[in-house]
């Protein structure tokens, strides 16, 4: 992995930690009613997707088990269709996709740093 991809993956990992911190103590109902947290989480999802778009094609090909296009697509939907975005879809992303991505990135970083 080149240094640029390593830096991007490290930044994505930090953004995931931001999402985790933002939703401590939240459930779907509380998340749905907290506009500030919804917007902060959505901005963080946008950041993750934008960073993903900056990874090299070689890197994405090497780790093609990660749904890079879907991550970038979620960024696009969140950024361009925020007013029609379903809070439940964001919540599912937070609960299912973000933790899975964190595990996958952790494995990549572990392999690189070992």
PDB file of N, CA and C in Angstrom:
ATOM      1  N   UNK A   1       0.849  -1.172   0.000  1.00  0.00           N
ATOM      2  CA  UNK A   1       0.000   0.000   0.000  1.00  0.00           C
ATOM      3  C   UNK A   1       0.895   1.235   0.000  1.00  0.00           C
ATOM      4  N   UNK A   2       0.545   2.168  -0.864  1.00  0.00           N
ATOM      5  CA  UNK A   2       1.348   3.384  -0.874  1.00  0.00           C
ATOM      6  C   UNK A   2       0.942   4.300   0.286  1.00  0.00           C
ATOM      7  N   UNK A   3       1.764   5.280   0.542  1.00  0.00           N
ATOM      8  CA  UNK A   3       1.554   6.165   1.694  1.00  0.00           C
ATOM      9  C   UNK A   3       0.243   6.942   1.573  1.00  0.00           C
ATOM     10  N   UNK A   4      -0.109   7.357   0.371  1.00  0.00           N
ATOM     11  CA  UNK A   4      -1.347   8.116   0.166  1.00  0.00           C
ATOM     12  C   UNK A   4      -2.560   7.286   0.594  1.00  0.00           C
ATOM     13  N   UNK A   5      -2.626   6.047   0.122  1.00  0.00           N
ATOM     14  CA  UNK A   5      -3.745   5.180   0.500  1.00  0.00           C
ATOM     15  C   UNK A   5      -3.746   4.917   2.008  1.00  0.00           C
ATOM     16  N   UNK A   6      -2.570   4.733   2.576  1.00  0.00           N
ATOM     17  CA  UNK A   6      -2.475   4.522   4.023  1.00  0.00           C
ATOM     18  C   UNK A   6      -3.037   5.723   4.776  1.00  0.00           C
ATOM     19  N   UNK A   7      -2.681   6.918   4.347  1.00  0.00           N
ATOM     20  CA  UNK A   7      -3.179   8.130   5.002  1.00  0.00           C
ATOM     21  C   UNK A   7      -4.695   8.245   4.878  1.00  0.00           C
ATOM     22  N   UNK A   8      -5.221   7.913   3.706  1.00  0.00           N
ATOM     23  CA  UNK A   8      -6.665   7.992   3.484  1.00  0.00           C
ATOM     24  C   UNK A   8      -7.396   6.982   4.361  1.00  0.00           C
ATOM     25  N   UNK A   9      -6.900   5.758   4.401  1.00  0.00           N
ATOM     26  CA  UNK A   9      -7.517   4.726   5.235  1.00  0.00           C
ATOM     27  C   UNK A   9      -7.472   5.142   6.711  1.00  0.00           C
ATOM     28  N   UNK A  10      -6.384   5.713   7.133  1.00  0.00           N
ATOM     29  CA  UNK A  10      -6.279   6.196   8.517  1.00  0.00           C
ATOM     30  C   UNK A  10      -7.318   7.277   8.797  1.00  0.00           C
ATOM     31  N   UNK A  11      -7.547   8.167   7.834  1.00  0.00           N
ATOM     32  CA  UNK A  11      -8.549   9.225   8.001  1.00  0.00           C
ATOM     33  C   UNK A  11      -9.960   8.653   8.027  1.00  0.00           C
ATOM     34  N   UNK A  12     -10.228   7.664   7.164  1.00  0.00           N
ATOM     35  CA  UNK A  12     -11.545   7.020   7.177  1.00  0.00           C
ATOM     36  C   UNK A  12     -11.784   6.383   8.537  1.00  0.00           C
ATOM     37  N   UNK A  13     -10.766   5.719   9.050  1.00  0.00           N
ATOM     38  CA  UNK A  13     -10.875   5.078  10.370  1.00  0.00           C
ATOM     39  C   UNK A  13     -11.226   6.116  11.435  1.00  0.00           C
ATOM     40  N   UNK A  14     -10.605   7.273  11.389  1.00  0.00           N
ATOM     41  CA  UNK A  14     -10.896   8.338  12.354  1.00  0.00           C
ATOM     42  C   UNK A  14     -12.325   8.859  12.188  1.00  0.00           C
ATOM     43  N   UNK A  15     -12.798   8.934  10.954  1.00  0.00           N
ATOM     44  CA  UNK A  15     -14.179   9.367  10.713  1.00  0.00           C
ATOM     45  C   UNK A  15     -15.166   8.353  11.285  1.00  0.00           C
ATOM     46  N   UNK A  16     -14.848   7.082  11.179  1.00  0.00           N
ATOM     47  CA  UNK A  16     -15.690   6.043  11.772  1.00  0.00           C
ATOM     48  C   UNK A  16     -15.766   6.240  13.287  1.00  0.00           C
ATOM     49  N   UNK A  17     -14.646   6.557  13.887  1.00  0.00           N
ATOM     50  CA  UNK A  17     -14.639   6.809  15.328  1.00  0.00           C
ATOM     51  C   UNK A  17     -15.490   8.023  15.689  1.00  0.00           C
ATOM     52  N   UNK A  18     -15.531   9.018  14.809  1.00  0.00           N
ATOM     53  CA  UNK A  18     -16.393  10.180  15.045  1.00  0.00           C
ATOM     54  C   UNK A  18     -17.855   9.739  15.066  1.00  0.00           C
ATOM     55  N   UNK A  19     -18.258   8.909  14.097  1.00  0.00           N
ATOM     56  CA  UNK A  19     -19.636   8.410  14.072  1.00  0.00           C
ATOM     57  C   UNK A  19     -19.938   7.657  15.353  1.00  0.00           C
ATOM     58  N   UNK A  20     -19.032   6.786  15.760  1.00  0.00           N
ATOM     59  CA  UNK A  20     -19.233   6.010  16.989  1.00  0.00           C
ATOM     60  C   UNK A  20     -19.434   6.932  18.190  1.00  0.00           C
ATOM     61  N   UNK A  21     -18.624   7.969  18.289  1.00  0.00           N
ATOM     62  CA  UNK A  21     -18.748   8.904  19.406  1.00  0.00           C
ATOM     63  C   UNK A  21     -20.072   9.670  19.360  1.00  0.00           C
ATOM     64  N   UNK A  22     -20.500  10.040  18.158  1.00  0.00           N
ATOM     65  CA  UNK A  22     -21.726  10.824  18.010  1.00  0.00           C
ATOM     66  C   UNK A  22     -22.978  10.069  18.442  1.00  0.00           C
ATOM     67  N   UNK A  23     -22.976   8.753  18.280  1.00  0.00           N
ATOM     68  CA  UNK A  23     -24.210   8.005  18.527  1.00  0.00           C
ATOM     69  C   UNK A  23     -24.239   7.261  19.865  1.00  0.00           C
ATOM     70  N   UNK A  24     -23.247   7.504  20.701  1.00  0.00           N
ATOM     71  CA  UNK A  24     -23.255   6.862  22.027  1.00  0.00           C
ATOM     72  C   UNK A  24     -24.554   7.220  22.740  1.00  0.00           C
ATOM     73  N   UNK A  25     -25.260   6.199  23.209  1.00  0.00           N
ATOM     74  CA  UNK A  25     -26.491   6.402  23.946  1.00  0.00           C
ATOM     75  C   UNK A  25     -27.719   6.633  23.075  1.00  0.00           C
ATOM     76  N   UNK A  26     -27.565   6.514  21.762  1.00  0.00           N
ATOM     77  CA  UNK A  26     -28.677   6.758  20.854  1.00  0.00           C
ATOM     78  C   UNK A  26     -29.331   5.454  20.418  1.00  0.00           C
ATOM     79  N   UNK A  27     -30.626   5.526  20.180  1.00  0.00           N
ATOM     80  CA  UNK A  27     -31.358   4.502  19.463  1.00  0.00           C
ATOM     81  C   UNK A  27     -31.987   5.202  18.257  1.00  0.00           C
ATOM     82  N   UNK A  28     -32.717   4.472  17.451  1.00  0.00           N
ATOM     83  CA  UNK A  28     -33.290   5.071  16.246  1.00  0.00           C
ATOM     84  C   UNK A  28     -34.213   6.233  16.579  1.00  0.00           C
ATOM     85  N   UNK A  29     -35.034   6.074  17.593  1.00  0.00           N
ATOM     86  CA  UNK A  29     -35.987   7.136  17.946  1.00  0.00           C
ATOM     87  C   UNK A  29     -35.264   8.423  18.355  1.00  0.00           C
ATOM     88  N   UNK A  30     -34.278   8.285  19.217  1.00  0.00           N
ATOM     89  CA  UNK A  30     -33.524   9.467  19.668  1.00  0.00           C
ATOM     90  C   UNK A  30     -32.747  10.087  18.512  1.00  0.00           C
ATOM     91  N   UNK A  31     -32.140   9.229  17.686  1.00  0.00           N
ATOM     92  CA  UNK A  31     -31.393   9.714  16.525  1.00  0.00           C
ATOM     93  C   UNK A  31     -32.320  10.481  15.584  1.00  0.00           C
ATOM     94  N   UNK A  32     -33.492   9.922  15.319  1.00  0.00           N
ATOM     95  CA  UNK A  32     -34.449  10.550  14.399  1.00  0.00           C
ATOM     96  C   UNK A  32     -34.885  11.931  14.856  1.00  0.00           C
ATOM     97  N   UNK A  33     -34.944  12.136  16.162  1.00  0.00           N
ATOM     98  CA  UNK A  33     -35.441  13.408  16.683  1.00  0.00           C
ATOM     99  C   UNK A  33     -34.328  14.419  16.991  1.00  0.00           C
ATOM    100  N   UNK A  34     -33.075  14.017  16.820  1.00  0.00           N
ATOM    101  CA  UNK A  34     -31.955  14.919  17.137  1.00  0.00           C
ATOM    102  C   UNK A  34     -31.318  15.425  15.840  1.00  0.00           C
ATOM    103  N   UNK A  35     -31.796  16.570  15.401  1.00  0.00           N
ATOM    104  CA  UNK A  35     -31.366  17.112  14.103  1.00  0.00           C
ATOM    105  C   UNK A  35     -29.856  17.370  14.051  1.00  0.00           C
ATOM    106  N   UNK A  36     -29.297  17.852  15.127  1.00  0.00           N
ATOM    107  CA  UNK A  36     -27.867  18.155  15.159  1.00  0.00           C
ATOM    108  C   UNK A  36     -27.040  16.876  14.955  1.00  0.00           C
ATOM    109  N   UNK A  37     -27.402  15.824  15.660  1.00  0.00           N
ATOM    110  CA  UNK A  37     -26.657  14.566  15.541  1.00  0.00           C
ATOM    111  C   UNK A  37     -26.857  13.952  14.161  1.00  0.00           C
ATOM    112  N   UNK A  38     -28.086  13.988  13.640  1.00  0.00           N
ATOM    113  CA  UNK A  38     -28.334  13.470  12.285  1.00  0.00           C
ATOM    114  C   UNK A  38     -27.437  14.170  11.269  1.00  0.00           C
ATOM    115  N   UNK A  39     -27.398  15.480  11.350  1.00  0.00           N
ATOM    116  CA  UNK A  39     -26.591  16.236  10.383  1.00  0.00           C
ATOM    117  C   UNK A  39     -25.096  15.964  10.565  1.00  0.00           C
ATOM    118  N   UNK A  40     -24.667  15.849  11.795  1.00  0.00           N
ATOM    119  CA  UNK A  40     -23.246  15.572  12.055  1.00  0.00           C
ATOM    120  C   UNK A  40     -22.863  14.194  11.527  1.00  0.00           C
ATOM    121  N   UNK A  41     -23.712  13.204  11.783  1.00  0.00           N
ATOM    122  CA  UNK A  41     -23.443  11.854  11.287  1.00  0.00           C
ATOM    123  C   UNK A  41     -23.450  11.840   9.762  1.00  0.00           C
ATOM    124  N   UNK A  42     -24.429  12.495   9.163  1.00  0.00           N
ATOM    125  CA  UNK A  42     -24.497  12.517   7.699  1.00  0.00           C
ATOM    126  C   UNK A  42     -23.266  13.210   7.097  1.00  0.00           C
ATOM    127  N   UNK A  43     -22.813  14.271   7.722  1.00  0.00           N
ATOM    128  CA  UNK A  43     -21.602  14.932   7.230  1.00  0.00           C
ATOM    129  C   UNK A  43     -20.404  14.001   7.337  1.00  0.00           C
ATOM    130  N   UNK A  44     -20.352  13.228   8.380  1.00  0.00           N
ATOM    131  CA  UNK A  44     -19.254  12.279   8.567  1.00  0.00           C
ATOM    132  C   UNK A  44     -19.334  11.162   7.528  1.00  0.00           C
ATOM    133  N   UNK A  45     -20.545  10.710   7.207  1.00  0.00           N
ATOM    134  CA  UNK A  45     -20.722   9.722   6.137  1.00  0.00           C
ATOM    135  C   UNK A  45     -20.266  10.307   4.804  1.00  0.00           C
ATOM    136  N   UNK A  46     -20.568  11.558   4.572  1.00  0.00           N
ATOM    137  CA  UNK A  46     -20.097  12.236   3.361  1.00  0.00           C
ATOM    138  C   UNK A  46     -18.569  12.254   3.337  1.00  0.00           C
ATOM    139  N   UNK A  47     -17.952  12.572   4.466  1.00  0.00           N
ATOM    140  CA  UNK A  47     -16.487  12.592   4.542  1.00  0.00           C
ATOM    141  C   UNK A  47     -15.902  11.221   4.221  1.00  0.00           C
ATOM    142  N   UNK A  48     -16.494  10.168   4.765  1.00  0.00           N
ATOM    143  CA  UNK A  48     -16.007   8.808   4.510  1.00  0.00           C
ATOM    144  C   UNK A  48     -16.093   8.491   3.020  1.00  0.00           C
ATOM    145  N   UNK A  49     -17.228   8.803   2.417  1.00  0.00           N
ATOM    146  CA  UNK A  49     -17.392   8.549   0.987  1.00  0.00           C
ATOM    147  C   UNK A  49     -16.434   9.348   0.131  1.00  0.00           C
ATOM    148  N   UNK A  50     -16.226  10.585   0.512  1.00  0.00           N
ATOM    149  CA  UNK A  50     -15.296  11.437  -0.246  1.00  0.00           C
ATOM    150  C   UNK A  50     -13.875  10.900  -0.145  1.00  0.00           C
ATOM    151  N   UNK A  51     -13.483  10.494   1.038  1.00  0.00           N
ATOM    152  CA  UNK A  51     -12.156   9.898   1.210  1.00  0.00           C
ATOM    153  C   UNK A  51     -12.021   8.619   0.388  1.00  0.00           C
ATOM    154  N   UNK A  52     -13.072   7.816   0.373  1.00  0.00           N
ATOM    155  CA  UNK A  52     -13.068   6.583  -0.406  1.00  0.00           C
ATOM    156  C   UNK A  52     -12.806   6.859  -1.876  1.00  0.00           C
ATOM    157  N   UNK A  53     -13.398   7.923  -2.377  1.00  0.00           N
ATOM    158  CA  UNK A  53     -13.214   8.282  -3.791  1.00  0.00           C
ATOM    159  C   UNK A  53     -11.769   8.667  -4.095  1.00  0.00           C
ATOM    160  N   UNK A  54     -11.002   9.004  -3.072  1.00  0.00           N
ATOM    161  CA  UNK A  54      -9.613   9.421  -3.254  1.00  0.00           C
ATOM    162  C   UNK A  54      -8.618   8.262  -3.242  1.00  0.00           C
ATOM    163  N   UNK A  55      -9.089   7.079  -2.866  1.00  0.00           N
ATOM    164  CA  UNK A  55      -8.192   5.911  -2.864  1.00  0.00           C
ATOM    165  C   UNK A  55      -7.808   5.548  -4.296  1.00  0.00           C
ATOM    166  N   UNK A  56      -6.618   4.996  -4.457  1.00  0.00           N
ATOM    167  CA  UNK A  56      -6.191   4.588  -5.794  1.00  0.00           C
ATOM    168  C   UNK A  56      -6.984   3.367  -6.246  1.00  0.00           C
ATOM    169  N   UNK A  57      -7.120   3.234  -7.545  1.00  0.00           N
ATOM    170  CA  UNK A  57      -7.819   2.067  -8.100  1.00  0.00           C
ATOM    171  C   UNK A  57      -7.081   0.784  -7.741  1.00  0.00           C
ATOM    172  N   UNK A  58      -5.759   0.834  -7.710  1.00  0.00           N
ATOM    173  CA  UNK A  58      -4.983  -0.353  -7.335  1.00  0.00           C
ATOM    174  C   UNK A  58      -5.338  -0.814  -5.923  1.00  0.00           C
ATOM    175  N   UNK A  59      -5.472   0.139  -5.025  1.00  0.00           N
ATOM    176  CA  UNK A  59      -5.819  -0.203  -3.647  1.00  0.00           C
ATOM    177  C   UNK A  59      -7.217  -0.810  -3.588  1.00  0.00           C
ATOM    178  N   UNK A  60      -8.180  -0.158  -4.248  1.00  0.00           N
ATOM    179  CA  UNK A  60      -9.553  -0.662  -4.223  1.00  0.00           C
ATOM    180  C   UNK A  60      -9.645  -2.041  -4.873  1.00  0.00           C
ATOM    181  N   UNK A  61      -8.861  -2.270  -5.907  1.00  0.00           N
ATOM    182  CA  UNK A  61      -8.833  -3.591  -6.539  1.00  0.00           C
ATOM    183  C   UNK A  61      -8.226  -4.636  -5.609  1.00  0.00           C
ATOM    184  N   UNK A  62      -7.207  -4.243  -4.870  1.00  0.00           N
ATOM    185  CA  UNK A  62      -6.546  -5.175  -3.953  1.00  0.00           C
ATOM    186  C   UNK A  62      -7.468  -5.571  -2.795  1.00  0.00           C
ATOM    187  N   UNK A  63      -8.374  -4.679  -2.429  1.00  0.00           N
ATOM    188  CA  UNK A  63      -9.302  -4.931  -1.328  1.00  0.00           C
ATOM    189  C   UNK A  63     -10.741  -4.837  -1.848  1.00  0.00           C
ATOM    190  N   UNK A  64     -10.994  -5.639  -2.869  1.00  0.00           N
ATOM    191  CA  UNK A  64     -12.299  -5.562  -3.533  1.00  0.00           C
ATOM    192  C   UNK A  64     -13.431  -6.221  -2.745  1.00  0.00           C
ATOM    193  N   UNK A  65     -13.130  -6.760  -1.572  1.00  0.00           N
ATOM    194  CA  UNK A  65     -14.175  -7.289  -0.691  1.00  0.00           C
ATOM    195  C   UNK A  65     -14.927  -6.164   0.018  1.00  0.00           C
ATOM    196  N   UNK A  66     -14.392  -4.970  -0.037  1.00  0.00           N
ATOM    197  CA  UNK A  66     -15.036  -3.799   0.559  1.00  0.00           C
ATOM    198  C   UNK A  66     -15.849  -3.112  -0.539  1.00  0.00           C
ATOM    199  N   UNK A  67     -17.096  -2.788  -0.268  1.00  0.00           N
ATOM    200  CA  UNK A  67     -17.964  -2.195  -1.303  1.00  0.00           C
ATOM    201  C   UNK A  67     -17.691  -0.701  -1.531  1.00  0.00           C
ATOM    202  N   UNK A  68     -16.550  -0.409  -2.117  1.00  0.00           N
ATOM    203  CA  UNK A  68     -16.130   0.985  -2.302  1.00  0.00           C
ATOM    204  C   UNK A  68     -17.171   1.815  -3.056  1.00  0.00           C
ATOM    205  N   UNK A  69     -17.748   1.245  -4.120  1.00  0.00           N
ATOM    206  CA  UNK A  69     -18.741   1.995  -4.907  1.00  0.00           C
ATOM    207  C   UNK A  69     -19.988   2.291  -4.079  1.00  0.00           C
ATOM    208  N   UNK A  70     -20.385   1.352  -3.249  1.00  0.00           N
ATOM    209  CA  UNK A  70     -21.553   1.581  -2.396  1.00  0.00           C
ATOM    210  C   UNK A  70     -21.279   2.665  -1.357  1.00  0.00           C
ATOM    211  N   UNK A  71     -20.070   2.680  -0.835  1.00  0.00           N
ATOM    212  CA  UNK A  71     -19.690   3.706   0.144  1.00  0.00           C
ATOM    213  C   UNK A  71     -19.722   5.077  -0.520  1.00  0.00           C
ATOM    214  N   UNK A  72     -19.154   5.163  -1.710  1.00  0.00           N
ATOM    215  CA  UNK A  72     -19.175   6.425  -2.456  1.00  0.00           C
ATOM    216  C   UNK A  72     -20.605   6.794  -2.837  1.00  0.00           C
ATOM    217  N   UNK A  73     -21.415   5.795  -3.168  1.00  0.00           N
ATOM    218  CA  UNK A  73     -22.809   6.042  -3.522  1.00  0.00           C
ATOM    219  C   UNK A  73     -23.610   6.574  -2.346  1.00  0.00           C
ATOM    220  N   UNK A  74     -23.356   6.049  -1.164  1.00  0.00           N
ATOM    221  CA  UNK A  74     -24.028   6.555   0.035  1.00  0.00           C
ATOM    222  C   UNK A  74     -23.641   8.004   0.271  1.00  0.00           C
ATOM    223  N   UNK A  75     -22.396   8.322  -0.001  1.00  0.00           N
ATOM    224  CA  UNK A  75     -21.945   9.712   0.110  1.00  0.00           C
ATOM    225  C   UNK A  75     -22.749  10.601  -0.821  1.00  0.00           C
ATOM    226  N   UNK A  76     -22.905  10.162  -2.065  1.00  0.00           N
ATOM    227  CA  UNK A  76     -23.623  10.968  -3.059  1.00  0.00           C
ATOM    228  C   UNK A  76     -25.087  11.171  -2.665  1.00  0.00           C
ATOM    229  N   UNK A  77     -25.725  10.102  -2.217  1.00  0.00           N
ATOM    230  CA  UNK A  77     -27.125  10.206  -1.794  1.00  0.00           C
ATOM    231  C   UNK A  77     -27.246  11.139  -0.597  1.00  0.00           C
ATOM    232  N   UNK A  78     -26.356  10.984   0.375  1.00  0.00           N
ATOM    233  CA  UNK A  78     -26.403  11.811   1.583  1.00  0.00           C
ATOM    234  C   UNK A  78     -26.159  13.280   1.251  1.00  0.00           C
ATOM    235  N   UNK A  79     -25.232  13.530   0.339  1.00  0.00           N
ATOM    236  CA  UNK A  79     -24.890  14.914  -0.003  1.00  0.00           C
ATOM    237  C   UNK A  79     -25.938  15.576  -0.892  1.00  0.00           C
ATOM    238  N   UNK A  80     -26.472  14.838  -1.845  1.00  0.00           N
ATOM    239  CA  UNK A  80     -27.328  15.460  -2.855  1.00  0.00           C
ATOM    240  C   UNK A  80     -28.820  15.248  -2.639  1.00  0.00           C
ATOM    241  N   UNK A  81     -29.178  14.333  -1.771  1.00  0.00           N
ATOM    242  CA  UNK A  81     -30.599  14.045  -1.546  1.00  0.00           C
ATOM    243  C   UNK A  81     -30.915  14.063  -0.051  1.00  0.00           C
ATOM    244  N   UNK A  82     -30.248  14.914   0.685  1.00  0.00           N
ATOM    245  CA  UNK A  82     -30.396  14.934   2.141  1.00  0.00           C
ATOM    246  C   UNK A  82     -31.849  15.097   2.571  1.00  0.00           C
ATOM    247  N   UNK A  83     -32.576  15.968   1.905  1.00  0.00           N
ATOM    248  CA  UNK A  83     -33.958  16.247   2.326  1.00  0.00           C
ATOM    249  C   UNK A  83     -34.886  15.059   2.147  1.00  0.00           C
ATOM    250  N   UNK A  84     -34.534  14.123   1.264  1.00  0.00           N
ATOM    251  CA  UNK A  84     -35.376  12.939   1.059  1.00  0.00           C
ATOM    252  C   UNK A  84     -34.732  11.677   1.628  1.00  0.00           C
ATOM    253  N   UNK A  85     -33.590  11.831   2.260  1.00  0.00           N
ATOM    254  CA  UNK A  85     -32.875  10.698   2.853  1.00  0.00           C
ATOM    255  C   UNK A  85     -33.701  10.117   3.995  1.00  0.00           C
ATOM    256  N   UNK A  86     -33.807   8.807   4.012  1.00  0.00           N
ATOM    257  CA  UNK A  86     -34.570   8.139   5.073  1.00  0.00           C
ATOM    258  C   UNK A  86     -33.665   7.918   6.275  1.00  0.00           C
ATOM    259  N   UNK A  87     -34.097   8.423   7.410  1.00  0.00           N
ATOM    260  CA  UNK A  87     -33.314   8.313   8.635  1.00  0.00           C
ATOM    261  C   UNK A  87     -33.052   6.851   8.970  1.00  0.00           C
ATOM    262  N   UNK A  88     -34.029   5.993   8.718  1.00  0.00           N
ATOM    263  CA  UNK A  88     -33.854   4.570   8.979  1.00  0.00           C
ATOM    264  C   UNK A  88     -32.718   3.973   8.174  1.00  0.00           C
ATOM    265  N   UNK A  89     -32.551   4.426   6.934  1.00  0.00           N
ATOM    266  CA  UNK A  89     -31.441   3.938   6.104  1.00  0.00           C
ATOM    267  C   UNK A  89     -30.098   4.378   6.673  1.00  0.00           C
ATOM    268  N   UNK A  90     -30.040   5.601   7.148  1.00  0.00           N
ATOM    269  CA  UNK A  90     -28.810   6.095   7.771  1.00  0.00           C
ATOM    270  C   UNK A  90     -28.513   5.279   9.027  1.00  0.00           C
ATOM    271  N   UNK A  91     -29.544   5.009   9.815  1.00  0.00           N
ATOM    272  CA  UNK A  91     -29.372   4.253  11.056  1.00  0.00           C
ATOM    273  C   UNK A  91     -28.854   2.841  10.757  1.00  0.00           C
ATOM    274  N   UNK A  92     -29.398   2.200   9.737  1.00  0.00           N
ATOM    275  CA  UNK A  92     -28.924   0.866   9.351  1.00  0.00           C
ATOM    276  C   UNK A  92     -27.456   0.934   8.934  1.00  0.00           C
ATOM    277  N   UNK A  93     -27.099   1.962   8.202  1.00  0.00           N
ATOM    278  CA  UNK A  93     -25.701   2.152   7.815  1.00  0.00           C
ATOM    279  C   UNK A  93     -24.817   2.287   9.042  1.00  0.00           C
ATOM    280  N   UNK A  94     -25.276   3.070  10.004  1.00  0.00           N
ATOM    281  CA  UNK A  94     -24.512   3.283  11.239  1.00  0.00           C
ATOM    282  C   UNK A  94     -24.344   1.983  12.021  1.00  0.00           C
ATOM    283  N   UNK A  95     -25.418   1.227  12.131  1.00  0.00           N
ATOM    284  CA  UNK A  95     -25.389   0.011  12.956  1.00  0.00           C
ATOM    285  C   UNK A  95     -24.729  -1.176  12.276  1.00  0.00           C
ATOM    286  N   UNK A  96     -24.863  -1.282  10.963  1.00  0.00           N
ATOM    287  CA  UNK A  96     -24.378  -2.468  10.253  1.00  0.00           C
ATOM    288  C   UNK A  96     -23.120  -2.216   9.424  1.00  0.00           C
ATOM    289  N   UNK A  97     -23.194  -1.222   8.566  1.00  0.00           N
ATOM    290  CA  UNK A  97     -22.123  -1.021   7.585  1.00  0.00           C
ATOM    291  C   UNK A  97     -20.870  -0.383   8.177  1.00  0.00           C
ATOM    292  N   UNK A  98     -21.056   0.623   9.007  1.00  0.00           N
ATOM    293  CA  UNK A  98     -19.905   1.315   9.597  1.00  0.00           C
ATOM    294  C   UNK A  98     -19.062   0.367  10.464  1.00  0.00           C
ATOM    295  N   UNK A  99     -19.669  -0.419  11.366  1.00  0.00           N
ATOM    296  CA  UNK A  99     -18.846  -1.351  12.155  1.00  0.00           C
ATOM    297  C   UNK A  99     -18.133  -2.399  11.289  1.00  0.00           C
ATOM    298  N   UNK A 100     -18.807  -2.873  10.255  1.00  0.00           N
ATOM    299  CA  UNK A 100     -18.184  -3.849   9.352  1.00  0.00           C
ATOM    300  C   UNK A 100     -16.991  -3.221   8.634  1.00  0.00           C
ATOM    301  N   UNK A 101     -17.161  -1.985   8.157  1.00  0.00           N
ATOM    302  CA  UNK A 101     -16.062  -1.287   7.498  1.00  0.00           C
ATOM    303  C   UNK A 101     -14.902  -1.086   8.466  1.00  0.00           C
ATOM    304  N   UNK A 102     -15.210  -0.763   9.703  1.00  0.00           N
ATOM    305  CA  UNK A 102     -14.159  -0.567  10.704  1.00  0.00           C
ATOM    306  C   UNK A 102     -13.334  -1.838  10.883  1.00  0.00           C
ATOM    307  N   UNK A 103     -13.989  -2.977  10.968  1.00  0.00           N
ATOM    308  CA  UNK A 103     -13.285  -4.256  11.102  1.00  0.00           C
ATOM    309  C   UNK A 103     -12.398  -4.500   9.877  1.00  0.00           C
ATOM    310  N   UNK A 104     -12.948  -4.255   8.699  1.00  0.00           N
ATOM    311  CA  UNK A 104     -12.179  -4.472   7.470  1.00  0.00           C
ATOM    312  C   UNK A 104     -10.961  -3.550   7.398  1.00  0.00           C
ATOM    313  N   UNK A 105     -11.139  -2.298   7.745  1.00  0.00           N
ATOM    314  CA  UNK A 105     -10.015  -1.347   7.717  1.00  0.00           C
ATOM    315  C   UNK A 105      -8.990  -1.693   8.785  1.00  0.00           C
ATOM    316  N   UNK A 106      -9.467  -2.144   9.927  1.00  0.00           N
ATOM    317  CA  UNK A 106      -8.562  -2.574  10.994  1.00  0.00           C
ATOM    318  C   UNK A 106      -7.666  -3.710  10.506  1.00  0.00           C
ATOM    319  N   UNK A 107      -8.255  -4.650   9.782  1.00  0.00           N
ATOM    320  CA  UNK A 107      -7.484  -5.763   9.235  1.00  0.00           C
ATOM    321  C   UNK A 107      -6.437  -5.273   8.235  1.00  0.00           C
ATOM    322  N   UNK A 108      -6.824  -4.323   7.398  1.00  0.00           N
ATOM    323  CA  UNK A 108      -5.885  -3.763   6.428  1.00  0.00           C
ATOM    324  C   UNK A 108      -4.740  -3.060   7.149  1.00  0.00           C
ATOM    325  N   UNK A 109      -5.073  -2.205   8.098  1.00  0.00           N
ATOM    326  CA  UNK A 109      -4.041  -1.477   8.835  1.00  0.00           C
ATOM    327  C   UNK A 109      -3.133  -2.421   9.613  1.00  0.00           C
ATOM    328  N   UNK A 110      -3.721  -3.444  10.187  1.00  0.00           N
ATOM    329  CA  UNK A 110      -2.926  -4.444  10.923  1.00  0.00           C
ATOM    330  C   UNK A 110      -1.935  -5.135   9.988  1.00  0.00           C
ATOM    331  N   UNK A 111      -2.394  -5.513   8.793  1.00  0.00           N
ATOM    332  CA  UNK A 111      -1.507  -6.166   7.823  1.00  0.00           C
ATOM    333  C   UNK A 111      -0.367  -5.246   7.403  1.00  0.00           C
ATOM    334  N   UNK A 112      -0.684  -3.978   7.222  1.00  0.00           N
ATOM    335  CA  UNK A 112       0.326  -3.015   6.765  1.00  0.00           C
ATOM    336  C   UNK A 112       1.329  -2.724   7.867  1.00  0.00           C
ATOM    337  N   UNK A 113       0.855  -2.623   9.090  1.00  0.00           N
ATOM    338  CA  UNK A 113       1.733  -2.240  10.191  1.00  0.00           C
ATOM    339  C   UNK A 113       2.535  -3.408  10.772  1.00  0.00           C
ATOM    340  N   UNK A 114       2.128  -4.633  10.469  1.00  0.00           N
ATOM    341  CA  UNK A 114       2.870  -5.818  10.960  1.00  0.00           C
ATOM    342  C   UNK A 114       4.113  -6.088  10.147  1.00  0.00           C
TER     343      UNK A 114
END
